[in-house]
PDB file of all heavy atoms in Angstrom:
ATOM      1  N   ASN A   1     101.765  79.050  90.841  1.00  0.00           N
ATOM      2  CA  ASN A   1     102.261  80.277  90.277  1.00  0.00           C
ATOM      3  C   ASN A   1     103.226  80.883  91.335  1.00  0.00           C
ATOM      4  O   ASN A   1     102.852  81.124  92.418  1.00  0.00           O
ATOM      5  CB  ASN A   1     101.083  81.212  89.996  1.00  0.00           C
ATOM      6  CG  ASN A   1     101.539  82.550  89.423  1.00  0.00           C
ATOM      7  OD1 ASN A   1     102.709  82.886  89.424  1.00  0.00           O
ATOM      8  ND2 ASN A   1     100.583  83.293  88.866  1.00  0.00           N
ATOM      9  N   LYS A   2     104.414  81.247  90.912  1.00  0.00           N
ATOM     10  CA  LYS A   2     105.400  81.766  91.870  1.00  0.00           C
ATOM     11  C   LYS A   2     104.887  83.032  92.539  1.00  0.00           C
ATOM     12  O   LYS A   2     105.267  83.280  93.689  1.00  0.00           O
ATOM     13  CB  LYS A   2     106.676  82.078  91.129  1.00  0.00           C
ATOM     14  CG  LYS A   2     107.501  80.840  90.667  1.00  0.00           C
ATOM     15  CD  LYS A   2     108.782  81.208  90.019  1.00  0.00           C
ATOM     16  CE  LYS A   2     109.522  79.926  89.578  1.00  0.00           C
ATOM     17  NZ  LYS A   2     110.814  80.243  88.897  1.00  0.00           N
ATOM     18  N   ASN A   3     104.133  83.826  91.825  1.00  0.00           N
ATOM     19  CA  ASN A   3     103.534  85.034  92.458  1.00  0.00           C
ATOM     20  C   ASN A   3     102.120  84.739  92.809  1.00  0.00           C
ATOM     21  O   ASN A   3     101.174  85.407  92.348  1.00  0.00           O
ATOM     22  CB  ASN A   3     103.634  86.209  91.522  1.00  0.00           C
ATOM     23  CG  ASN A   3     105.081  86.431  91.033  1.00  0.00           C
ATOM     24  OD1 ASN A   3     105.981  86.530  91.903  1.00  0.00           O
ATOM     25  ND2 ASN A   3     105.314  86.581  89.791  1.00  0.00           N
ATOM     26  N   PHE A   4     101.919  83.753  93.726  1.00  0.00           N
ATOM     27  CA  PHE A   4     100.562  83.260  93.904  1.00  0.00           C
ATOM     28  C   PHE A   4      99.730  84.174  94.780  1.00  0.00           C
ATOM     29  O   PHE A   4      98.546  83.960  95.010  1.00  0.00           O
ATOM     30  CB  PHE A   4     100.499  81.826  94.511  1.00  0.00           C
ATOM     31  CG  PHE A   4     101.014  81.673  95.954  1.00  0.00           C
ATOM     32  CD1 PHE A   4     100.191  81.838  97.041  1.00  0.00           C
ATOM     33  CD2 PHE A   4     102.373  81.312  96.165  1.00  0.00           C
ATOM     34  CE1 PHE A   4     100.631  81.674  98.287  1.00  0.00           C
ATOM     35  CE2 PHE A   4     102.843  81.149  97.450  1.00  0.00           C
ATOM     36  CZ  PHE A   4     101.937  81.324  98.540  1.00  0.00           C
ATOM     37  N   ASP A   5     100.276  85.248  95.350  1.00  0.00           N
ATOM     38  CA  ASP A   5      99.493  86.218  96.090  1.00  0.00           C
ATOM     39  C   ASP A   5     100.183  87.605  96.031  1.00  0.00           C
ATOM     40  O   ASP A   5     101.394  87.654  95.737  1.00  0.00           O
ATOM     41  CB  ASP A   5      99.326  85.817  97.551  1.00  0.00           C
ATOM     42  CG  ASP A   5      98.142  86.421  98.165  1.00  0.00           C
ATOM     43  OD1 ASP A   5      97.465  87.306  97.575  1.00  0.00           O
ATOM     44  OD2 ASP A   5      97.772  86.030  99.311  1.00  0.00           O
ATOM     45  N   ASP A   6      99.344  88.623  96.188  1.00  0.00           N
ATOM     46  CA  ASP A   6      99.928  89.969  96.117  1.00  0.00           C
ATOM     47  C   ASP A   6     100.617  90.281  97.469  1.00  0.00           C
ATOM     48  O   ASP A   6      99.970  90.346  98.503  1.00  0.00           O
ATOM     49  CB  ASP A   6      98.858  90.987  95.897  1.00  0.00           C
ATOM     50  CG  ASP A   6      99.335  92.383  95.791  1.00  0.00           C
ATOM     51  OD1 ASP A   6     100.542  92.578  95.747  1.00  0.00           O
ATOM     52  OD2 ASP A   6      98.493  93.309  95.948  1.00  0.00           O
ATOM     53  N   LEU A   7     101.936  90.370  97.445  1.00  0.00           N
ATOM     54  CA  LEU A   7     102.658  90.477  98.652  1.00  0.00           C
ATOM     55  C   LEU A   7     102.901  91.960  98.981  1.00  0.00           C
ATOM     56  O   LEU A   7     103.473  92.251 100.081  1.00  0.00           O
ATOM     57  CB  LEU A   7     104.074  89.803  98.573  1.00  0.00           C
ATOM     58  CG  LEU A   7     103.968  88.254  98.637  1.00  0.00           C
ATOM     59  CD1 LEU A   7     105.366  87.647  98.446  1.00  0.00           C
ATOM     60  CD2 LEU A   7     103.438  87.815 100.040  1.00  0.00           C
ATOM     61  N   LYS A   8     102.558  92.857  98.083  1.00  0.00           N
ATOM     62  CA  LYS A   8     103.030  94.225  98.259  1.00  0.00           C
ATOM     63  C   LYS A   8     102.212  94.928  99.335  1.00  0.00           C
ATOM     64  O   LYS A   8     101.000  95.167  99.219  1.00  0.00           O
ATOM     65  CB  LYS A   8     102.873  95.023  96.945  1.00  0.00           C
ATOM     66  CG  LYS A   8     103.588  96.359  97.007  1.00  0.00           C
ATOM     67  CD  LYS A   8     103.792  96.964  95.606  1.00  0.00           C
ATOM     68  CE  LYS A   8     104.547  98.303  95.724  1.00  0.00           C
ATOM     69  NZ  LYS A   8     104.834  98.886  94.402  1.00  0.00           N
ATOM     70  N   LEU A   9     102.866  95.300 100.428  1.00  0.00           N
ATOM     71  CA  LEU A   9     102.269  96.063 101.501  1.00  0.00           C
ATOM     72  C   LEU A   9     102.516  97.556 101.288  1.00  0.00           C
ATOM     73  O   LEU A   9     101.626  98.400 101.467  1.00  0.00           O
ATOM     74  CB  LEU A   9     102.871  95.693 102.861  1.00  0.00           C
ATOM     75  CG  LEU A   9     102.243  94.560 103.609  1.00  0.00           C
ATOM     76  CD1 LEU A   9     103.036  94.307 104.900  1.00  0.00           C
ATOM     77  CD2 LEU A   9     100.827  94.841 103.964  1.00  0.00           C
ATOM     78  N   SER A  10     103.768  97.919 100.855  1.00  0.00           N
ATOM     79  CA  SER A  10     104.140  99.313 100.739  1.00  0.00           C
ATOM     80  C   SER A  10     105.408  99.396  99.962  1.00  0.00           C
ATOM     81  O   SER A  10     106.192  98.444  99.883  1.00  0.00           O
ATOM     82  CB  SER A  10     104.309  99.948 102.137  1.00  0.00           C
ATOM     83  OG  SER A  10     104.854 101.249 102.059  1.00  0.00           O
ATOM     84  N   ASP A  11     105.638 100.575  99.380  1.00  0.00           N
ATOM     85  CA  ASP A  11     106.926 100.843  98.705  1.00  0.00           C
ATOM     86  C   ASP A  11     107.703 101.943  99.410  1.00  0.00           C
ATOM     87  O   ASP A  11     108.577 102.562  98.828  1.00  0.00           O
ATOM     88  CB  ASP A  11     106.718 101.151  97.257  1.00  0.00           C
ATOM     89  CG  ASP A  11     105.893 102.417  97.058  1.00  0.00           C
ATOM     90  OD1 ASP A  11     105.414 102.981  98.058  1.00  0.00           O
ATOM     91  OD2 ASP A  11     105.692 102.822  95.853  1.00  0.00           O
ATOM     92  N   LYS A  12     107.416 102.176 100.680  1.00  0.00           N
ATOM     93  CA  LYS A  12     108.076 103.198 101.517  1.00  0.00           C
ATOM     94  C   LYS A  12     109.524 102.835 101.699  1.00  0.00           C
ATOM     95  O   LYS A  12     109.938 101.663 101.679  1.00  0.00           O
ATOM     96  CB  LYS A  12     107.356 103.426 102.767  1.00  0.00           C
ATOM     97  CG  LYS A  12     105.989 104.087 102.622  1.00  0.00           C
ATOM     98  CD  LYS A  12     105.378 104.408 103.969  1.00  0.00           C
ATOM     99  CE  LYS A  12     104.036 105.099 103.819  1.00  0.00           C
ATOM    100  NZ  LYS A  12     103.420 105.402 105.115  1.00  0.00           N
ATOM    101  N   ASN A  13     110.306 103.910 101.972  1.00  0.00           N
ATOM    102  CA  ASN A  13     111.750 103.718 102.272  1.00  0.00           C
ATOM    103  C   ASN A  13     111.951 103.564 103.796  1.00  0.00           C
ATOM    104  O   ASN A  13     111.601 104.455 104.575  1.00  0.00           O
ATOM    105  CB  ASN A  13     112.540 104.955 101.816  1.00  0.00           C
ATOM    106  CG  ASN A  13     112.503 105.109 100.339  1.00  0.00           C
ATOM    107  OD1 ASN A  13     112.623 104.143  99.637  1.00  0.00           O
ATOM    108  ND2 ASN A  13     112.280 106.346  99.875  1.00  0.00           N
ATOM    109  N   ILE A  14     112.562 102.398 104.205  1.00  0.00           N
ATOM    110  CA  ILE A  14     112.835 102.169 105.568  1.00  0.00           C
ATOM    111  C   ILE A  14     114.322 101.939 105.693  1.00  0.00           C
ATOM    112  O   ILE A  14     114.941 101.167 105.038  1.00  0.00           O
ATOM    113  CB  ILE A  14     112.107 100.867 106.036  1.00  0.00           C
ATOM    114  CG1 ILE A  14     110.597 101.115 106.002  1.00  0.00           C
ATOM    115  CG2 ILE A  14     112.526 100.565 107.533  1.00  0.00           C
ATOM    116  CD1 ILE A  14     109.764  99.917 106.560  1.00  0.00           C
ATOM    117  N   MET A  15     114.894 102.712 106.683  1.00  0.00           N
ATOM    118  CA  MET A  15     116.284 102.500 107.060  1.00  0.00           C
ATOM    119  C   MET A  15     116.329 101.717 108.376  1.00  0.00           C
ATOM    120  O   MET A  15     115.648 102.091 109.283  1.00  0.00           O
ATOM    121  CB  MET A  15     116.992 103.907 107.232  1.00  0.00           C
ATOM    122  CG  MET A  15     118.440 103.762 107.681  1.00  0.00           C
ATOM    123  SD  MET A  15     119.300 105.361 107.777  1.00  0.00           S
ATOM    124  CE  MET A  15     119.662 105.649 106.021  1.00  0.00           C
ATOM    125  N   ILE A  16     117.229 100.704 108.399  1.00  0.00           N
ATOM    126  CA  ILE A  16     117.357  99.866 109.559  1.00  0.00           C
ATOM    127  C   ILE A  16     118.740  99.873 110.068  1.00  0.00           C
ATOM    128  O   ILE A  16     119.669  99.500 109.346  1.00  0.00           O
ATOM    129  CB  ILE A  16     116.839  98.413 109.220  1.00  0.00           C
ATOM    130  CG1 ILE A  16     115.491  98.316 108.654  1.00  0.00           C
ATOM    131  CG2 ILE A  16     116.961  97.562 110.542  1.00  0.00           C
ATOM    132  CD1 ILE A  16     115.101  96.934 108.164  1.00  0.00           C
ATOM    133  N   GLU A  17     118.915 100.408 111.257  1.00  0.00           N
ATOM    134  CA  GLU A  17     120.253 100.413 111.915  1.00  0.00           C
ATOM    135  C   GLU A  17     120.406  99.202 112.784  1.00  0.00           C
ATOM    136  O   GLU A  17     119.605  99.011 113.658  1.00  0.00           O
ATOM    137  CB  GLU A  17     120.490 101.696 112.676  1.00  0.00           C
ATOM    138  CG  GLU A  17     121.807 101.748 113.333  1.00  0.00           C
ATOM    139  CD  GLU A  17     121.909 102.771 114.471  1.00  0.00           C
ATOM    140  OE1 GLU A  17     121.765 103.927 114.150  1.00  0.00           O
ATOM    141  OE2 GLU A  17     122.221 102.385 115.623  1.00  0.00           O
ATOM    142  N   TYR A  18     121.417  98.402 112.535  1.00  0.00           N
ATOM    143  CA  TYR A  18     121.656  97.237 113.422  1.00  0.00           C
ATOM    144  C   TYR A  18     123.168  96.925 113.507  1.00  0.00           C
ATOM    145  O   TYR A  18     124.012  97.542 112.796  1.00  0.00           O
ATOM    146  CB  TYR A  18     120.870  96.031 112.977  1.00  0.00           C
ATOM    147  CG  TYR A  18     121.110  95.541 111.544  1.00  0.00           C
ATOM    148  CD1 TYR A  18     122.016  94.491 111.304  1.00  0.00           C
ATOM    149  CD2 TYR A  18     120.489  96.060 110.536  1.00  0.00           C
ATOM    150  CE1 TYR A  18     122.258  94.024 110.071  1.00  0.00           C
ATOM    151  CE2 TYR A  18     120.628  95.599 109.194  1.00  0.00           C
ATOM    152  CZ  TYR A  18     121.569  94.620 108.968  1.00  0.00           C
ATOM    153  OH  TYR A  18     121.809  94.097 107.670  1.00  0.00           O
ATOM    154  N   SER A  19     123.436  96.088 114.363  1.00  0.00           N
ATOM    155  CA  SER A  19     124.819  95.681 114.825  1.00  0.00           C
ATOM    156  C   SER A  19     125.535  96.743 115.526  1.00  0.00           C
ATOM    157  O   SER A  19     125.616  96.751 116.762  1.00  0.00           O
ATOM    158  CB  SER A  19     125.628  95.195 113.570  1.00  0.00           C
ATOM    159  OG  SER A  19     126.837  94.534 114.067  1.00  0.00           O
ATOM    160  N   SER A  20     126.082  97.764 114.799  1.00  0.00           N
ATOM    161  CA  SER A  20     126.623  98.960 115.396  1.00  0.00           C
ATOM    162  C   SER A  20     127.525  98.658 116.610  1.00  0.00           C
ATOM    163  O   SER A  20     127.241  99.104 117.689  1.00  0.00           O
ATOM    164  CB  SER A  20     125.548  99.926 115.783  1.00  0.00           C
ATOM    165  OG  SER A  20     124.819 100.295 114.656  1.00  0.00           O
ATOM    166  N   PRO A  21     128.608  97.891 116.374  1.00  0.00           N
ATOM    167  CA  PRO A  21     129.511  97.519 117.499  1.00  0.00           C
ATOM    168  C   PRO A  21     130.456  98.576 117.881  1.00  0.00           C
ATOM    169  O   PRO A  21     130.636  99.536 117.149  1.00  0.00           O
ATOM    170  CB  PRO A  21     130.196  96.307 116.905  1.00  0.00           C
ATOM    171  CG  PRO A  21     130.281  96.634 115.468  1.00  0.00           C
ATOM    172  CD  PRO A  21     129.054  97.394 115.127  1.00  0.00           C
ATOM    173  N   ASN A  22     131.023  98.394 119.086  1.00  0.00           N
ATOM    174  CA  ASN A  22     132.187  99.266 119.495  1.00  0.00           C
ATOM    175  C   ASN A  22     133.454  98.726 118.825  1.00  0.00           C
ATOM    176  O   ASN A  22     133.612  97.476 118.742  1.00  0.00           O
ATOM    177  CB  ASN A  22     132.371  99.201 121.038  1.00  0.00           C
ATOM    178  CG  ASN A  22     131.223  99.883 121.758  1.00  0.00           C
ATOM    179  OD1 ASN A  22     130.567 100.688 121.193  1.00  0.00           O
ATOM    180  ND2 ASN A  22     131.011  99.479 123.027  1.00  0.00           N
ATOM    181  N   ALA A  23     134.354  99.605 118.392  1.00  0.00           N
ATOM    182  CA  ALA A  23     135.514  99.168 117.706  1.00  0.00           C
ATOM    183  C   ALA A  23     136.661  98.829 118.677  1.00  0.00           C
ATOM    184  O   ALA A  23     137.773  99.301 118.610  1.00  0.00           O
ATOM    185  CB  ALA A  23     135.988 100.244 116.726  1.00  0.00           C
ATOM    186  N   ASN A  24     136.325  98.069 119.748  1.00  0.00           N
ATOM    187  CA  ASN A  24     137.331  97.728 120.785  1.00  0.00           C
ATOM    188  C   ASN A  24     137.272  96.272 121.199  1.00  0.00           C
ATOM    189  O   ASN A  24     137.950  95.926 122.172  1.00  0.00           O
ATOM    190  CB  ASN A  24     137.271  98.666 121.939  1.00  0.00           C
ATOM    191  CG  ASN A  24     135.947  98.448 122.708  1.00  0.00           C
ATOM    192  OD1 ASN A  24     134.978  97.923 122.203  1.00  0.00           O
ATOM    193  ND2 ASN A  24     135.944  98.881 123.944  1.00  0.00           N
ATOM    194  N   LYS A  25     136.501  95.447 120.528  1.00  0.00           N
ATOM    195  CA  LYS A  25     136.407  94.036 120.927  1.00  0.00           C
ATOM    196  C   LYS A  25     135.658  93.262 119.813  1.00  0.00           C
ATOM    197  O   LYS A  25     134.940  93.884 119.005  1.00  0.00           O
ATOM    198  CB  LYS A  25     135.703  93.924 122.238  1.00  0.00           C
ATOM    199  CG  LYS A  25     134.312  94.611 122.304  1.00  0.00           C
ATOM    200  CD  LYS A  25     133.792  94.742 123.668  1.00  0.00           C
ATOM    201  CE  LYS A  25     132.545  95.579 123.773  1.00  0.00           C
ATOM    202  NZ  LYS A  25     132.091  95.835 125.143  1.00  0.00           N
ATOM    203  N   PRO A  26     135.759  91.920 119.840  1.00  0.00           N
ATOM    204  CA  PRO A  26     135.079  91.184 118.796  1.00  0.00           C
ATOM    205  C   PRO A  26     133.562  91.132 118.978  1.00  0.00           C
ATOM    206  O   PRO A  26     133.061  91.463 120.068  1.00  0.00           O
ATOM    207  CB  PRO A  26     135.716  89.758 118.943  1.00  0.00           C
ATOM    208  CG  PRO A  26     136.130  89.696 120.416  1.00  0.00           C
ATOM    209  CD  PRO A  26     136.570  91.088 120.720  1.00  0.00           C
ATOM    210  N   LEU A  27     132.892  90.788 117.943  1.00  0.00           N
ATOM    211  CA  LEU A  27     131.379  90.560 118.002  1.00  0.00           C
ATOM    212  C   LEU A  27     131.099  89.391 118.885  1.00  0.00           C
ATOM    213  O   LEU A  27     131.705  88.352 118.832  1.00  0.00           O
ATOM    214  CB  LEU A  27     130.849  90.347 116.627  1.00  0.00           C
ATOM    215  CG  LEU A  27     131.158  91.423 115.559  1.00  0.00           C
ATOM    216  CD1 LEU A  27     130.643  90.969 114.157  1.00  0.00           C
ATOM    217  CD2 LEU A  27     130.482  92.765 115.943  1.00  0.00           C
ATOM    218  N   HIS A  28     130.075  89.572 119.756  1.00  0.00           N
ATOM    219  CA  HIS A  28     129.661  88.478 120.630  1.00  0.00           C
ATOM    220  C   HIS A  28     128.164  88.074 120.456  1.00  0.00           C
ATOM    221  O   HIS A  28     127.550  88.513 119.465  1.00  0.00           O
ATOM    222  CB  HIS A  28     129.937  88.861 122.097  1.00  0.00           C
ATOM    223  CG  HIS A  28     129.272  90.170 122.591  1.00  0.00           C
ATOM    224  ND1 HIS A  28     127.939  90.293 122.595  1.00  0.00           N
ATOM    225  CD2 HIS A  28     129.808  91.282 123.013  1.00  0.00           C
ATOM    226  CE1 HIS A  28     127.604  91.493 123.066  1.00  0.00           C
ATOM    227  NE2 HIS A  28     128.736  92.161 123.299  1.00  0.00           N
ATOM    228  N   LEU A  29     127.685  87.256 121.356  1.00  0.00           N
ATOM    229  CA  LEU A  29     126.299  86.752 121.161  1.00  0.00           C
ATOM    230  C   LEU A  29     125.234  87.881 121.019  1.00  0.00           C
ATOM    231  O   LEU A  29     124.337  87.729 120.276  1.00  0.00           O
ATOM    232  CB  LEU A  29     125.932  85.842 122.355  1.00  0.00           C
ATOM    233  CG  LEU A  29     126.554  84.448 122.392  1.00  0.00           C
ATOM    234  CD1 LEU A  29     125.936  83.616 123.550  1.00  0.00           C
ATOM    235  CD2 LEU A  29     126.298  83.713 121.093  1.00  0.00           C
ATOM    236  N   GLY A  30     125.381  88.929 121.822  1.00  0.00           N
ATOM    237  CA  GLY A  30     124.490  90.069 121.705  1.00  0.00           C
ATOM    238  C   GLY A  30     124.494  90.666 120.339  1.00  0.00           C
ATOM    239  O   GLY A  30     123.479  90.963 119.727  1.00  0.00           O
ATOM    240  N   HIS A  31     125.707  90.900 119.746  1.00  0.00           N
ATOM    241  CA  HIS A  31     125.785  91.377 118.407  1.00  0.00           C
ATOM    242  C   HIS A  31     125.152  90.405 117.399  1.00  0.00           C
ATOM    243  O   HIS A  31     124.556  90.880 116.409  1.00  0.00           O
ATOM    244  CB  HIS A  31     127.257  91.650 118.022  1.00  0.00           C
ATOM    245  CG  HIS A  31     127.948  92.630 118.828  1.00  0.00           C
ATOM    246  ND1 HIS A  31     129.003  92.416 119.657  1.00  0.00           N
ATOM    247  CD2 HIS A  31     127.725  93.988 118.925  1.00  0.00           C
ATOM    248  CE1 HIS A  31     129.401  93.521 120.196  1.00  0.00           C
ATOM    249  NE2 HIS A  31     128.654  94.519 119.839  1.00  0.00           N
ATOM    250  N   ILE A  32     125.381  89.127 117.641  1.00  0.00           N
ATOM    251  CA  ILE A  32     124.757  88.152 116.717  1.00  0.00           C
ATOM    252  C   ILE A  32     123.263  88.326 116.640  1.00  0.00           C
ATOM    253  O   ILE A  32     122.637  88.372 115.561  1.00  0.00           O
ATOM    254  CB  ILE A  32     125.140  86.714 117.089  1.00  0.00           C
ATOM    255  CG1 ILE A  32     126.626  86.463 116.874  1.00  0.00           C
ATOM    256  CG2 ILE A  32     124.313  85.718 116.300  1.00  0.00           C
ATOM    257  CD1 ILE A  32     127.085  85.139 117.260  1.00  0.00           C
ATOM    258  N   ARG A  33     122.611  88.387 117.830  1.00  0.00           N
ATOM    259  CA  ARG A  33     121.158  88.466 117.851  1.00  0.00           C
ATOM    260  C   ARG A  33     120.699  89.734 117.187  1.00  0.00           C
ATOM    261  O   ARG A  33     119.760  89.789 116.360  1.00  0.00           O
ATOM    262  CB  ARG A  33     120.608  88.445 119.322  1.00  0.00           C
ATOM    263  CG  ARG A  33     119.106  88.381 119.325  1.00  0.00           C
ATOM    264  CD  ARG A  33     118.437  88.215 120.623  1.00  0.00           C
ATOM    265  NE  ARG A  33     117.095  87.737 120.490  1.00  0.00           N
ATOM    266  CZ  ARG A  33     116.145  87.753 121.350  1.00  0.00           C
ATOM    267  NH1 ARG A  33     116.449  88.183 122.602  1.00  0.00           N
ATOM    268  NH2 ARG A  33     114.919  87.328 121.098  1.00  0.00           N
ATOM    269  N   ASN A  34     121.351  90.824 117.502  1.00  0.00           N
ATOM    270  CA  ASN A  34     121.068  92.145 116.904  1.00  0.00           C
ATOM    271  C   ASN A  34     121.223  92.073 115.369  1.00  0.00           C
ATOM    272  O   ASN A  34     120.207  92.470 114.642  1.00  0.00           O
ATOM    273  CB  ASN A  34     122.055  93.158 117.502  1.00  0.00           C
ATOM    274  CG  ASN A  34     121.838  94.605 116.987  1.00  0.00           C
ATOM    275  OD1 ASN A  34     121.663  94.828 115.766  1.00  0.00           O
ATOM    276  ND2 ASN A  34     121.771  95.526 117.916  1.00  0.00           N
ATOM    277  N   SER A  35     122.266  91.553 114.886  1.00  0.00           N
ATOM    278  CA  SER A  35     122.534  91.488 113.420  1.00  0.00           C
ATOM    279  C   SER A  35     121.570  90.626 112.770  1.00  0.00           C
ATOM    280  O   SER A  35     121.075  90.975 111.662  1.00  0.00           O
ATOM    281  CB  SER A  35     123.950  91.052 113.191  1.00  0.00           C
ATOM    282  OG  SER A  35     124.951  91.911 113.681  1.00  0.00           O
ATOM    283  N   LEU A  36     121.219  89.477 113.307  1.00  0.00           N
ATOM    284  CA  LEU A  36     120.294  88.576 112.716  1.00  0.00           C
ATOM    285  C   LEU A  36     118.907  89.091 112.574  1.00  0.00           C
ATOM    286  O   LEU A  36     118.206  88.951 111.587  1.00  0.00           O
ATOM    287  CB  LEU A  36     120.278  87.190 113.443  1.00  0.00           C
ATOM    288  CG  LEU A  36     121.656  86.465 113.440  1.00  0.00           C
ATOM    289  CD1 LEU A  36     121.482  85.125 114.126  1.00  0.00           C
ATOM    290  CD2 LEU A  36     122.191  86.291 112.062  1.00  0.00           C
TER     291      LEU A  36
END
């Protein structure tokens, strides 16, 4: 069954801030880890 277990932990609203680079250079390895 595709829904073989109850996965619902919560329906709360979570905001996640990530990447947030400086607008003066390309994204680098640190940004990659952050974004992923």
